[in-house]
Structure formats: structure tokens, C-alpha cells
Amino acid sequence: PYLLGDPRVRYEYNDWNAVMASGTGGVAYLNA
């Protein structure tokens, strides 16, 4: 929402102090 310019966003990442970041993945799955 931040990078899309969502009007509901009232936060600014550049004001915050990042101390840790981690990647992840995602899995899509179907019913049997």
C-alpha cells in the first residue's frame, strides 16, 4: 500500500529505523 500510494497510508518508512530484514517465500496450494 505504501509503494502504491494507497490513501489510507499515514506512515513513512523512511522515518523508521530498520534493524533486521529477512526474506521469505510463498506456496500456493489447491484442495485435494
All heavy atoms as atom14 arrays in JSON, in Angstrom:
{
  "sequence": "PYLLGDPRVRYEYNDWNAVMASGTGGVAYLNA",
  "atom14_mask": [
    [1, 1, 1, 1, 1, 1, 1, 0, 0, 0, 0, 0, 0, 0],
    [1, 1, 1, 1, 1, 1, 1, 1, 1, 1, 1, 1, 0, 0],
    [1, 1, 1, 1, 1, 1, 1, 1, 0, 0, 0, 0, 0, 0],
    [1, 1, 1, 1, 1, 1, 1, 1, 0, 0, 0, 0, 0, 0],
    [1, 1, 1, 1, 0, 0, 0, 0, 0, 0, 0, 0, 0, 0],
    [1, 1, 1, 1, 1, 1, 1, 1, 0, 0, 0, 0, 0, 0],
    [1, 1, 1, 1, 1, 1, 1, 0, 0, 0, 0, 0, 0, 0],
    [1, 1, 1, 1, 1, 1, 1, 1, 1, 1, 1, 0, 0, 0],
    [1, 1, 1, 1, 1, 1, 1, 0, 0, 0, 0, 0, 0, 0],
    [1, 1, 1, 1, 1, 1, 1, 1, 1, 1, 1, 0, 0, 0],
    [1, 1, 1, 1, 1, 1, 1, 1, 1, 1, 1, 1, 0, 0],
    [1, 1, 1, 1, 1, 1, 1, 1, 1, 0, 0, 0, 0, 0],
    [1, 1, 1, 1, 1, 1, 1, 1, 1, 1, 1, 1, 0, 0],
    [1, 1, 1, 1, 1, 1, 1, 1, 0, 0, 0, 0, 0, 0],
    [1, 1, 1, 1, 1, 1, 1, 1, 0, 0, 0, 0, 0, 0],
    [1, 1, 1, 1, 1, 1, 1, 1, 1, 1, 1, 1, 1, 1],
    [1, 1, 1, 1, 1, 1, 1, 1, 0, 0, 0, 0, 0, 0],
    [1, 1, 1, 1, 1, 0, 0, 0, 0, 0, 0, 0, 0, 0],
    [1, 1, 1, 1, 1, 1, 1, 0, 0, 0, 0, 0, 0, 0],
    [1, 1, 1, 1, 1, 1, 1, 1, 0, 0, 0, 0, 0, 0],
    [1, 1, 1, 1, 1, 0, 0, 0, 0, 0, 0, 0, 0, 0],
    [1, 1, 1, 1, 1, 1, 0, 0, 0, 0, 0, 0, 0, 0],
    [1, 1, 1, 1, 0, 0, 0, 0, 0, 0, 0, 0, 0, 0],
    [1, 1, 1, 1, 1, 1, 1, 0, 0, 0, 0, 0, 0, 0],
    [1, 1, 1, 1, 0, 0, 0, 0, 0, 0, 0, 0, 0, 0],
    [1, 1, 1, 1, 0, 0, 0, 0, 0, 0, 0, 0, 0, 0],
    [1, 1, 1, 1, 1, 1, 1, 0, 0, 0, 0, 0, 0, 0],
    [1, 1, 1, 1, 1, 0, 0, 0, 0, 0, 0, 0, 0, 0],
    [1, 1, 1, 1, 1, 1, 1, 1, 1, 1, 1, 1, 0, 0],
    [1, 1, 1, 1, 1, 1, 1, 1, 0, 0, 0, 0, 0, 0],
    [1, 1, 1, 1, 1, 1, 1, 1, 0, 0, 0, 0, 0, 0],
    [1, 1, 1, 1, 1, 0, 0, 0, 0, 0, 0, 0, 0, 0]
  ],
  "atom14_positions": [
    [[0.82, -1.22, 0.0], [0.0, 0.0, 0.0], [0.85, 1.27, 0.0], [0.48, 2.27, -0.61], [-0.83, -0.12, 1.29], [-0.87, -1.58, 1.58], [0.47, -2.11, 1.13], [0.0, 0.0, 0.0], [0.0, 0.0, 0.0], [0.0, 0.0, 0.0], [0.0, 0.0, 0.0], [0.0, 0.0, 0.0], [0.0, 0.0, 0.0], [0.0, 0.0, 0.0]],
    [[1.99, 1.21, 0.68], [2.91, 2.35, 0.73], [3.44, 2.68, -0.65], [3.41, 3.83, -1.11], [4.05, 2.02, 1.7], [5.17, 3.03, 1.72], [5.11, 4.17, 2.51], [6.32, 2.82, 0.95], [6.15, 5.08, 2.53], [7.37, 3.72, 0.97], [7.28, 4.85, 1.76], [8.32, 5.76, 1.78], [0.0, 0.0, 0.0], [0.0, 0.0, 0.0]],
    [[3.94, 1.67, -1.36], [4.55, 1.96, -2.65], [3.51, 2.18, -3.75], [3.83, 2.78, -4.79], [5.55, 0.88, -3.05], [5.1, -0.57, -3.22], [4.57, -0.82, -4.61], [6.28, -1.51, -2.96], [0.0, 0.0, 0.0], [0.0, 0.0, 0.0], [0.0, 0.0, 0.0], [0.0, 0.0, 0.0], [0.0, 0.0, 0.0], [0.0, 0.0, 0.0]],
    [[2.26, 1.77, -3.52], [1.19, 2.03, -4.48], [0.52, 3.39, -4.26], [-0.32, 3.8, -5.06], [0.13, 0.93, -4.41], [0.49, -0.4, -5.07], [-0.53, -1.48, -4.7], [0.57, -0.26, -6.59], [0.0, 0.0, 0.0], [0.0, 0.0, 0.0], [0.0, 0.0, 0.0], [0.0, 0.0, 0.0], [0.0, 0.0, 0.0], [0.0, 0.0, 0.0]],
    [[0.86, 4.05, -3.16], [0.23, 5.34, -2.87], [-1.18, 5.21, -2.36], [-2.02, 6.1, -2.59], [0.0, 0.0, 0.0], [0.0, 0.0, 0.0], [0.0, 0.0, 0.0], [0.0, 0.0, 0.0], [0.0, 0.0, 0.0], [0.0, 0.0, 0.0], [0.0, 0.0, 0.0], [0.0, 0.0, 0.0], [0.0, 0.0, 0.0], [0.0, 0.0, 0.0]],
    [[-1.48, 4.14, -1.63], [-2.8, 3.94, -1.05], [-3.13, 5.12, -0.12], [-2.34, 5.45, 0.76], [-2.82, 2.63, -0.27], [-4.22, 2.2, 0.15], [-4.99, 3.06, 0.64], [-4.55, 1.01, 0.0], [0.0, 0.0, 0.0], [0.0, 0.0, 0.0], [0.0, 0.0, 0.0], [0.0, 0.0, 0.0], [0.0, 0.0, 0.0], [0.0, 0.0, 0.0]],
    [[-4.28, 5.79, -0.31], [-4.59, 6.98, 0.5], [-4.79, 6.68, 1.98], [-4.77, 7.6, 2.8], [-5.88, 7.51, -0.14], [-6.48, 6.33, -0.84], [-5.32, 5.52, -1.33], [0.0, 0.0, 0.0], [0.0, 0.0, 0.0], [0.0, 0.0, 0.0], [0.0, 0.0, 0.0], [0.0, 0.0, 0.0], [0.0, 0.0, 0.0], [0.0, 0.0, 0.0]],
    [[-4.95, 5.41, 2.34], [-5.11, 5.06, 3.76], [-3.78, 5.04, 4.5], [-3.75, 4.97, 5.73], [-5.79, 3.7, 3.87], [-7.24, 3.69, 3.4], [-7.78, 2.29, 3.27], [-7.13, 1.56, 2.16], [-7.48, 0.36, 1.75], [-8.47, -0.28, 2.38], [-6.87, -0.23, 0.74], [0.0, 0.0, 0.0], [0.0, 0.0, 0.0], [0.0, 0.0, 0.0]],
    [[-2.69, 5.1, 3.76], [-1.37, 5.05, 4.37], [-1.03, 6.39, 5.02], [-1.07, 7.44, 4.37], [-0.3, 4.7, 3.31], [1.11, 4.93, 3.86], [-0.47, 3.25, 2.86], [0.0, 0.0, 0.0], [0.0, 0.0, 0.0], [0.0, 0.0, 0.0], [0.0, 0.0, 0.0], [0.0, 0.0, 0.0], [0.0, 0.0, 0.0], [0.0, 0.0, 0.0]],
    [[-0.71, 6.34, 6.3], [-0.28, 7.52, 7.04], [1.1, 7.31, 7.65], [1.47, 7.96, 8.62], [-1.31, 7.84, 8.16], [-2.7, 8.17, 7.66], [-2.75, 9.53, 6.97], [-4.11, 9.9, 6.57], [-4.67, 9.61, 5.41], [-3.96, 8.91, 4.51], [-5.9, 9.96, 5.13], [0.0, 0.0, 0.0], [0.0, 0.0, 0.0], [0.0, 0.0, 0.0]],
    [[1.83, 6.37, 7.1], [3.15, 6.06, 7.65], [4.22, 6.29, 6.6], [3.97, 6.25, 5.4], [3.21, 4.62, 8.18], [2.7, 3.54, 7.23], [3.56, 2.88, 6.35], [1.35, 3.17, 7.23], [3.1, 1.88, 5.51], [0.88, 2.18, 6.4], [1.75, 1.53, 5.53], [1.29, 0.54, 4.7], [0.0, 0.0, 0.0], [0.0, 0.0, 0.0]],
    [[5.43, 6.54, 7.1], [6.57, 6.81, 6.23], [7.74, 5.93, 6.67], [8.32, 6.11, 7.75], [6.96, 8.29, 6.32], [8.22, 8.65, 5.55], [8.22, 8.14, 4.13], [7.36, 8.61, 3.34], [9.05, 7.27, 3.81], [0.0, 0.0, 0.0], [0.0, 0.0, 0.0], [0.0, 0.0, 0.0], [0.0, 0.0, 0.0], [0.0, 0.0, 0.0]],
    [[8.06, 4.95, 5.84], [9.14, 4.02, 6.17], [10.46, 4.72, 6.44], [11.25, 4.26, 7.28], [9.32, 3.02, 5.03], [8.43, 1.8, 5.1], [7.32, 1.68, 4.28], [8.71, 0.76, 5.99], [6.51, 0.56, 4.33], [7.9, -0.36, 6.06], [6.8, -0.46, 5.23], [6.0, -1.57, 5.3], [0.0, 0.0, 0.0], [0.0, 0.0, 0.0]],
    [[10.72, 5.79, 5.75], [12.0, 6.48, 5.92], [12.16, 7.13, 7.28], [13.27, 7.53, 7.65], [12.18, 7.53, 4.82], [12.33, 6.91, 3.45], [12.99, 5.88, 3.3], [11.72, 7.51, 2.43], [0.0, 0.0, 0.0], [0.0, 0.0, 0.0], [0.0, 0.0, 0.0], [0.0, 0.0, 0.0], [0.0, 0.0, 0.0], [0.0, 0.0, 0.0]],
    [[11.07, 7.23, 8.04], [11.15, 7.76, 9.4], [11.6, 6.7, 10.41], [12.01, 7.03, 11.52], [9.8, 8.32, 9.85], [9.39, 9.57, 9.09], [10.27, 10.18, 8.45], [8.2, 9.91, 9.12], [0.0, 0.0, 0.0], [0.0, 0.0, 0.0], [0.0, 0.0, 0.0], [0.0, 0.0, 0.0], [0.0, 0.0, 0.0], [0.0, 0.0, 0.0]],
    [[11.46, 5.43, 10.03], [11.71, 4.34, 10.95], [13.15, 3.84, 10.86], [13.85, 4.13, 9.9], [10.75, 3.18, 10.68], [9.3, 3.54, 10.68], [8.73, 4.68, 11.13], [8.22, 2.73, 10.19], [7.36, 4.65, 10.96], [7.02, 3.46, 10.39], [8.14, 1.47, 9.62], [5.77, 2.96, 10.01], [6.9, 0.96, 9.25], [5.73, 1.7, 9.46]],
    [[13.56, 3.07, 11.85], [14.91, 2.55, 11.92], [14.89, 1.03, 11.75], [14.51, 0.29, 12.67], [15.54, 2.91, 13.26], [15.61, 4.41, 13.49], [16.41, 5.1, 12.88], [14.73, 4.93, 14.37], [0.0, 0.0, 0.0], [0.0, 0.0, 0.0], [0.0, 0.0, 0.0], [0.0, 0.0, 0.0], [0.0, 0.0, 0.0], [0.0, 0.0, 0.0]],
    [[15.27, 0.57, 10.56], [15.3, -0.87, 10.28], [16.5, -1.5, 10.96], [17.63, -1.06, 10.77], [15.35, -1.11, 8.77], [0.0, 0.0, 0.0], [0.0, 0.0, 0.0], [0.0, 0.0, 0.0], [0.0, 0.0, 0.0], [0.0, 0.0, 0.0], [0.0, 0.0, 0.0], [0.0, 0.0, 0.0], [0.0, 0.0, 0.0], [0.0, 0.0, 0.0]],
    [[16.27, -2.54, 11.76], [17.37, -3.22, 12.45], [17.52, -4.67, 11.99], [18.56, -5.3, 12.26], [17.19, -3.17, 13.98], [17.44, -1.75, 14.48], [15.81, -3.65, 14.41], [0.0, 0.0, 0.0], [0.0, 0.0, 0.0], [0.0, 0.0, 0.0], [0.0, 0.0, 0.0], [0.0, 0.0, 0.0], [0.0, 0.0, 0.0], [0.0, 0.0, 0.0]],
    [[16.51, -5.2, 11.31], [16.61, -6.56, 10.78], [15.63, -6.7, 9.63], [14.54, -6.14, 9.66], [16.3, -7.6, 11.87], [16.54, -9.06, 11.44], [15.07, -9.84, 10.72], [14.13, -10.24, 12.21], [0.0, 0.0, 0.0], [0.0, 0.0, 0.0], [0.0, 0.0, 0.0], [0.0, 0.0, 0.0], [0.0, 0.0, 0.0], [0.0, 0.0, 0.0]],
    [[16.04, -7.42, 8.6], [15.16, -7.72, 7.47], [15.42, -9.15, 7.04], [16.56, -9.63, 7.09], [15.43, -6.75, 6.31], [0.0, 0.0, 0.0], [0.0, 0.0, 0.0], [0.0, 0.0, 0.0], [0.0, 0.0, 0.0], [0.0, 0.0, 0.0], [0.0, 0.0, 0.0], [0.0, 0.0, 0.0], [0.0, 0.0, 0.0], [0.0, 0.0, 0.0]],
    [[14.37, -9.83, 6.63], [14.54, -11.2, 6.18], [13.63, -11.49, 5.01], [12.55, -10.91, 4.87], [14.26, -12.2, 7.32], [12.94, -12.1, 7.78], [0.0, 0.0, 0.0], [0.0, 0.0, 0.0], [0.0, 0.0, 0.0], [0.0, 0.0, 0.0], [0.0, 0.0, 0.0], [0.0, 0.0, 0.0], [0.0, 0.0, 0.0], [0.0, 0.0, 0.0]],
    [[14.11, -12.35, 4.16], [13.32, -12.77, 3.02], [12.4, -13.92, 3.38], [12.52, -14.54, 4.45], [0.0, 0.0, 0.0], [0.0, 0.0, 0.0], [0.0, 0.0, 0.0], [0.0, 0.0, 0.0], [0.0, 0.0, 0.0], [0.0, 0.0, 0.0], [0.0, 0.0, 0.0], [0.0, 0.0, 0.0], [0.0, 0.0, 0.0], [0.0, 0.0, 0.0]],
    [[11.51, -14.22, 2.49], [10.65, -15.38, 2.66], [10.2, -15.82, 1.28], [10.61, -15.26, 0.26], [9.45, -15.08, 3.57], [8.77, -16.29, 3.89], [8.47, -14.14, 2.9], [0.0, 0.0, 0.0], [0.0, 0.0, 0.0], [0.0, 0.0, 0.0], [0.0, 0.0, 0.0], [0.0, 0.0, 0.0], [0.0, 0.0, 0.0], [0.0, 0.0, 0.0]],
    [[9.4, -16.84, 1.25], [8.81, -17.31, 0.01], [7.32, -17.49, 0.19], [6.76, -17.07, 1.2], [0.0, 0.0, 0.0], [0.0, 0.0, 0.0], [0.0, 0.0, 0.0], [0.0, 0.0, 0.0], [0.0, 0.0, 0.0], [0.0, 0.0, 0.0], [0.0, 0.0, 0.0], [0.0, 0.0, 0.0], [0.0, 0.0, 0.0], [0.0, 0.0, 0.0]],
    [[6.69, -18.08, -0.77], [5.25, -18.34, -0.67], [4.89, -19.58, -1.46], [5.52, -19.88, -2.49], [0.0, 0.0, 0.0], [0.0, 0.0, 0.0], [0.0, 0.0, 0.0], [0.0, 0.0, 0.0], [0.0, 0.0, 0.0], [0.0, 0.0, 0.0], [0.0, 0.0, 0.0], [0.0, 0.0, 0.0], [0.0, 0.0, 0.0], [0.0, 0.0, 0.0]],
    [[3.9, -20.31, -0.97], [3.44, -21.53, -1.64], [1.93, -21.44, -1.85], [1.17, -21.19, -0.91], [3.76, -22.79, -0.8], [3.33, -24.04, -1.56], [5.25, -22.86, -0.47], [0.0, 0.0, 0.0], [0.0, 0.0, 0.0], [0.0, 0.0, 0.0], [0.0, 0.0, 0.0], [0.0, 0.0, 0.0], [0.0, 0.0, 0.0], [0.0, 0.0, 0.0]],
    [[1.51, -21.65, -3.1], [0.08, -21.72, -3.42], [-0.32, -23.19, -3.47], [0.45, -24.03, -3.96], [-0.19, -21.06, -4.77], [0.0, 0.0, 0.0], [0.0, 0.0, 0.0], [0.0, 0.0, 0.0], [0.0, 0.0, 0.0], [0.0, 0.0, 0.0], [0.0, 0.0, 0.0], [0.0, 0.0, 0.0], [0.0, 0.0, 0.0], [0.0, 0.0, 0.0]],
    [[-1.51, -23.49, -2.97], [-1.95, -24.89, -2.96], [-3.45, -24.97, -3.19], [-4.21, -24.0, -3.03], [-1.54, -25.58, -1.66], [-1.95, -24.87, -0.39], [-3.12, -25.2, 0.29], [-1.14, -23.87, 0.15], [-3.48, -24.57, 1.47], [-1.49, -23.22, 1.33], [-2.65, -23.57, 1.99], [-3.01, -22.93, 3.15], [0.0, 0.0, 0.0], [0.0, 0.0, 0.0]],
    [[-3.88, -26.17, -3.62], [-5.26, -26.44, -4.02], [-5.87, -27.48, -3.09], [-5.16, -28.24, -2.42], [-5.29, -26.99, -5.45], [-4.53, -26.2, -6.52], [-4.23, -27.09, -7.72], [-5.33, -24.99, -6.94], [0.0, 0.0, 0.0], [0.0, 0.0, 0.0], [0.0, 0.0, 0.0], [0.0, 0.0, 0.0], [0.0, 0.0, 0.0], [0.0, 0.0, 0.0]],
    [[-7.21, -27.54, -3.06], [-7.83, -28.63, -2.33], [-7.58, -29.94, -3.08], [-7.16, -29.96, -4.25], [-9.31, -28.38, -2.07], [-10.13, -28.29, -3.34], [-9.75, -28.8, -4.4], [-11.29, -27.65, -3.26], [0.0, 0.0, 0.0], [0.0, 0.0, 0.0], [0.0, 0.0, 0.0], [0.0, 0.0, 0.0], [0.0, 0.0, 0.0], [0.0, 0.0, 0.0]],
    [[-7.82, -31.06, -2.42], [-7.46, -32.36, -2.99], [-8.2, -32.63, -4.29], [-7.62, -33.16, -5.25], [-7.74, -33.46, -1.96], [0.0, 0.0, 0.0], [0.0, 0.0, 0.0], [0.0, 0.0, 0.0], [0.0, 0.0, 0.0], [0.0, 0.0, 0.0], [0.0, 0.0, 0.0], [0.0, 0.0, 0.0], [0.0, 0.0, 0.0], [0.0, 0.0, 0.0]]
  ]
}
